[in-house]
Amino acid sequence: MYNTSKIPSKIIETELSIRLLEYLKRNNTIDDGMYNYVVNKLIRKIEIEKNKINDTYMENDSNFKILV
């Protein structure tokens, strides 16, 4: 079982991108079609990152650094 308090930085960065898109959509900066397209791509990216997680991945601290 994985330690749920450790979340890979790529997943956090992708989720932040989704939050930014939600903000842009609320302010009518982007339309619904563009929002849906980009969010779906980002969700697929999150799923790919989640599938990569294994014991070796969890032990490597560089996967959890947002700023280097």
N, C-alpha and C. Protein backbone atom coordinates (compact mmCIF):
# COMPACT_ATOMS: atom_id res chain seq x y z
N MET A 1 0.84 -1.18 0.00
CA MET A 1 0.00 0.00 0.00
C MET A 1 0.88 1.24 0.00
N TYR A 2 0.48 2.25 -0.76
CA TYR A 2 1.26 3.46 -0.89
C TYR A 2 0.90 4.47 0.18
N ASN A 3 1.87 5.29 0.52
CA ASN A 3 1.65 6.38 1.46
C ASN A 3 0.86 7.47 0.72
N THR A 4 -0.37 7.71 1.15
CA THR A 4 -1.22 8.65 0.43
C THR A 4 -0.87 10.10 0.71
N SER A 5 0.02 10.36 1.65
CA SER A 5 0.41 11.74 1.91
C SER A 5 1.43 12.24 0.89
N LYS A 6 2.02 11.34 0.11
CA LYS A 6 2.96 11.72 -0.93
C LYS A 6 2.24 11.68 -2.28
N ILE A 7 2.17 12.82 -2.92
CA ILE A 7 1.54 12.92 -4.23
C ILE A 7 2.60 13.42 -5.20
N PRO A 8 2.80 12.72 -6.32
CA PRO A 8 3.81 13.15 -7.29
C PRO A 8 3.55 14.57 -7.79
N SER A 9 4.62 15.30 -7.99
CA SER A 9 4.51 16.70 -8.38
C SER A 9 3.84 16.88 -9.74
N LYS A 10 4.03 15.94 -10.65
CA LYS A 10 3.39 16.07 -11.97
C LYS A 10 1.88 16.06 -11.85
N ILE A 11 1.35 15.27 -10.92
CA ILE A 11 -0.09 15.23 -10.72
C ILE A 11 -0.57 16.55 -10.11
N ILE A 12 0.17 17.08 -9.16
CA ILE A 12 -0.20 18.36 -8.55
C ILE A 12 -0.18 19.48 -9.59
N GLU A 13 0.86 19.51 -10.40
CA GLU A 13 0.97 20.55 -11.44
C GLU A 13 -0.18 20.45 -12.44
N THR A 14 -0.55 19.24 -12.81
CA THR A 14 -1.64 19.04 -13.76
C THR A 14 -2.97 19.47 -13.15
N GLU A 15 -3.20 19.15 -11.89
CA GLU A 15 -4.43 19.58 -11.22
C GLU A 15 -4.49 21.10 -11.09
N LEU A 16 -3.35 21.74 -10.87
CA LEU A 16 -3.32 23.20 -10.83
C LEU A 16 -3.66 23.79 -12.19
N SER A 17 -3.24 23.13 -13.24
CA SER A 17 -3.58 23.59 -14.60
C SER A 17 -5.08 23.53 -14.82
N ILE A 18 -5.72 22.50 -14.31
CA ILE A 18 -7.18 22.37 -14.43
C ILE A 18 -7.86 23.50 -13.66
N ARG A 19 -7.36 23.82 -12.48
CA ARG A 19 -7.93 24.93 -11.68
C ARG A 19 -7.80 26.26 -12.44
N LEU A 20 -6.66 26.47 -13.08
CA LEU A 20 -6.47 27.68 -13.87
C LEU A 20 -7.47 27.74 -15.02
N LEU A 21 -7.70 26.62 -15.68
CA LEU A 21 -8.67 26.59 -16.77
C LEU A 21 -10.08 26.88 -16.26
N GLU A 22 -10.41 26.38 -15.07
CA GLU A 22 -11.72 26.68 -14.49
C GLU A 22 -11.88 28.17 -14.26
N TYR A 23 -10.82 28.80 -13.78
CA TYR A 23 -10.84 30.25 -13.56
C TYR A 23 -11.04 30.99 -14.89
N LEU A 24 -10.30 30.59 -15.91
CA LEU A 24 -10.42 31.24 -17.22
C LEU A 24 -11.82 31.05 -17.80
N LYS A 25 -12.42 29.90 -17.57
CA LYS A 25 -13.77 29.65 -18.07
C LYS A 25 -14.79 30.52 -17.35
N ARG A 26 -14.63 30.66 -16.03
CA ARG A 26 -15.56 31.50 -15.26
C ARG A 26 -15.49 32.96 -15.72
N ASN A 27 -14.31 33.41 -16.12
CA ASN A 27 -14.15 34.79 -16.58
C ASN A 27 -14.37 34.95 -18.07
N ASN A 28 -14.91 33.94 -18.71
CA ASN A 28 -15.22 33.96 -20.15
C ASN A 28 -14.01 34.27 -21.00
N THR A 29 -12.84 33.82 -20.58
CA THR A 29 -11.63 33.99 -21.37
C THR A 29 -11.51 32.89 -22.41
N ILE A 30 -11.97 31.69 -22.06
CA ILE A 30 -11.98 30.58 -23.01
C ILE A 30 -13.41 30.04 -23.11
N ASP A 31 -13.73 29.43 -24.25
CA ASP A 31 -15.08 28.91 -24.43
C ASP A 31 -15.18 27.47 -23.91
N ASP A 32 -16.38 26.95 -23.87
CA ASP A 32 -16.63 25.61 -23.31
C ASP A 32 -15.91 24.52 -24.10
N GLY A 33 -15.88 24.65 -25.41
CA GLY A 33 -15.22 23.63 -26.23
C GLY A 33 -13.73 23.52 -25.94
N MET A 34 -13.06 24.64 -25.86
CA MET A 34 -11.63 24.63 -25.56
C MET A 34 -11.39 24.12 -24.15
N TYR A 35 -12.22 24.55 -23.21
CA TYR A 35 -12.10 24.09 -21.83
C TYR A 35 -12.21 22.57 -21.75
N ASN A 36 -13.24 22.02 -22.36
CA ASN A 36 -13.46 20.57 -22.32
C ASN A 36 -12.32 19.80 -22.97
N TYR A 37 -11.83 20.30 -24.10
CA TYR A 37 -10.74 19.64 -24.81
C TYR A 37 -9.49 19.58 -23.94
N VAL A 38 -9.10 20.71 -23.37
CA VAL A 38 -7.86 20.77 -22.59
C VAL A 38 -8.01 19.98 -21.29
N VAL A 39 -9.14 20.09 -20.62
CA VAL A 39 -9.34 19.36 -19.37
C VAL A 39 -9.30 17.85 -19.62
N ASN A 40 -9.89 17.39 -20.70
CA ASN A 40 -9.85 15.96 -21.00
C ASN A 40 -8.42 15.49 -21.25
N LYS A 41 -7.62 16.29 -21.93
CA LYS A 41 -6.21 15.94 -22.14
C LYS A 41 -5.46 15.88 -20.82
N LEU A 42 -5.73 16.84 -19.93
CA LEU A 42 -5.05 16.87 -18.63
C LEU A 42 -5.48 15.70 -17.75
N ILE A 43 -6.74 15.33 -17.81
CA ILE A 43 -7.21 14.18 -17.03
C ILE A 43 -6.53 12.90 -17.51
N ARG A 44 -6.36 12.75 -18.82
CA ARG A 44 -5.64 11.59 -19.34
C ARG A 44 -4.20 11.59 -18.87
N LYS A 45 -3.60 12.77 -18.80
CA LYS A 45 -2.22 12.90 -18.32
C LYS A 45 -2.13 12.47 -16.85
N ILE A 46 -3.10 12.84 -16.04
CA ILE A 46 -3.12 12.43 -14.63
C ILE A 46 -3.23 10.92 -14.53
N GLU A 47 -4.09 10.32 -15.33
CA GLU A 47 -4.26 8.86 -15.30
C GLU A 47 -2.96 8.15 -15.69
N ILE A 48 -2.26 8.67 -16.67
CA ILE A 48 -0.98 8.07 -17.07
C ILE A 48 0.02 8.14 -15.92
N GLU A 49 0.08 9.29 -15.24
CA GLU A 49 0.99 9.43 -14.11
C GLU A 49 0.61 8.49 -12.97
N LYS A 50 -0.67 8.33 -12.72
CA LYS A 50 -1.11 7.42 -11.66
C LYS A 50 -0.73 5.98 -11.98
N ASN A 51 -0.77 5.62 -13.26
CA ASN A 51 -0.41 4.26 -13.66
C ASN A 51 1.08 3.99 -13.52
N LYS A 52 1.90 5.04 -13.53
CA LYS A 52 3.35 4.88 -13.40
C LYS A 52 3.78 4.58 -11.96
N ILE A 53 2.91 4.90 -11.01
CA ILE A 53 3.29 4.81 -9.60
C ILE A 53 3.47 3.34 -9.19
N ASN A 54 4.66 3.04 -8.68
CA ASN A 54 4.97 1.74 -8.11
C ASN A 54 5.95 1.99 -6.96
N ASP A 55 6.50 0.93 -6.37
CA ASP A 55 7.39 1.10 -5.22
C ASP A 55 8.64 1.90 -5.58
N THR A 56 9.23 1.64 -6.73
CA THR A 56 10.44 2.35 -7.14
C THR A 56 10.14 3.83 -7.34
N TYR A 57 9.01 4.11 -7.95
CA TYR A 57 8.60 5.49 -8.20
C TYR A 57 8.41 6.24 -6.88
N MET A 58 7.80 5.58 -5.91
CA MET A 58 7.52 6.21 -4.61
C MET A 58 8.80 6.46 -3.82
N GLU A 59 9.81 5.66 -4.02
CA GLU A 59 11.06 5.82 -3.29
C GLU A 59 11.94 6.93 -3.84
N ASN A 60 11.73 7.33 -5.07
CA ASN A 60 12.53 8.37 -5.72
C ASN A 60 11.97 9.76 -5.34
N ASP A 61 12.70 10.48 -4.51
CA ASP A 61 12.23 11.78 -4.03
C ASP A 61 12.13 12.83 -5.12
N SER A 62 12.84 12.67 -6.21
CA SER A 62 12.78 13.67 -7.27
C SER A 62 11.40 13.71 -7.96
N ASN A 63 10.61 12.68 -7.79
CA ASN A 63 9.26 12.67 -8.35
C ASN A 63 8.30 13.54 -7.56
N PHE A 64 8.73 14.02 -6.41
CA PHE A 64 7.87 14.77 -5.55
C PHE A 64 8.31 16.23 -5.37
N LYS A 65 9.26 16.66 -6.17
CA LYS A 65 9.75 18.04 -6.11
C LYS A 65 9.04 18.85 -7.17
N ILE A 66 8.44 19.96 -6.73
CA ILE A 66 7.76 20.84 -7.69
C ILE A 66 8.75 21.84 -8.27
N LEU A 67 9.57 22.44 -7.40
CA LEU A 67 10.57 23.39 -7.86
C LEU A 67 11.95 22.80 -7.61
N VAL A 68 12.79 22.89 -8.61
CA VAL A 68 14.14 22.33 -8.46
C VAL A 68 15.13 23.46 -8.29
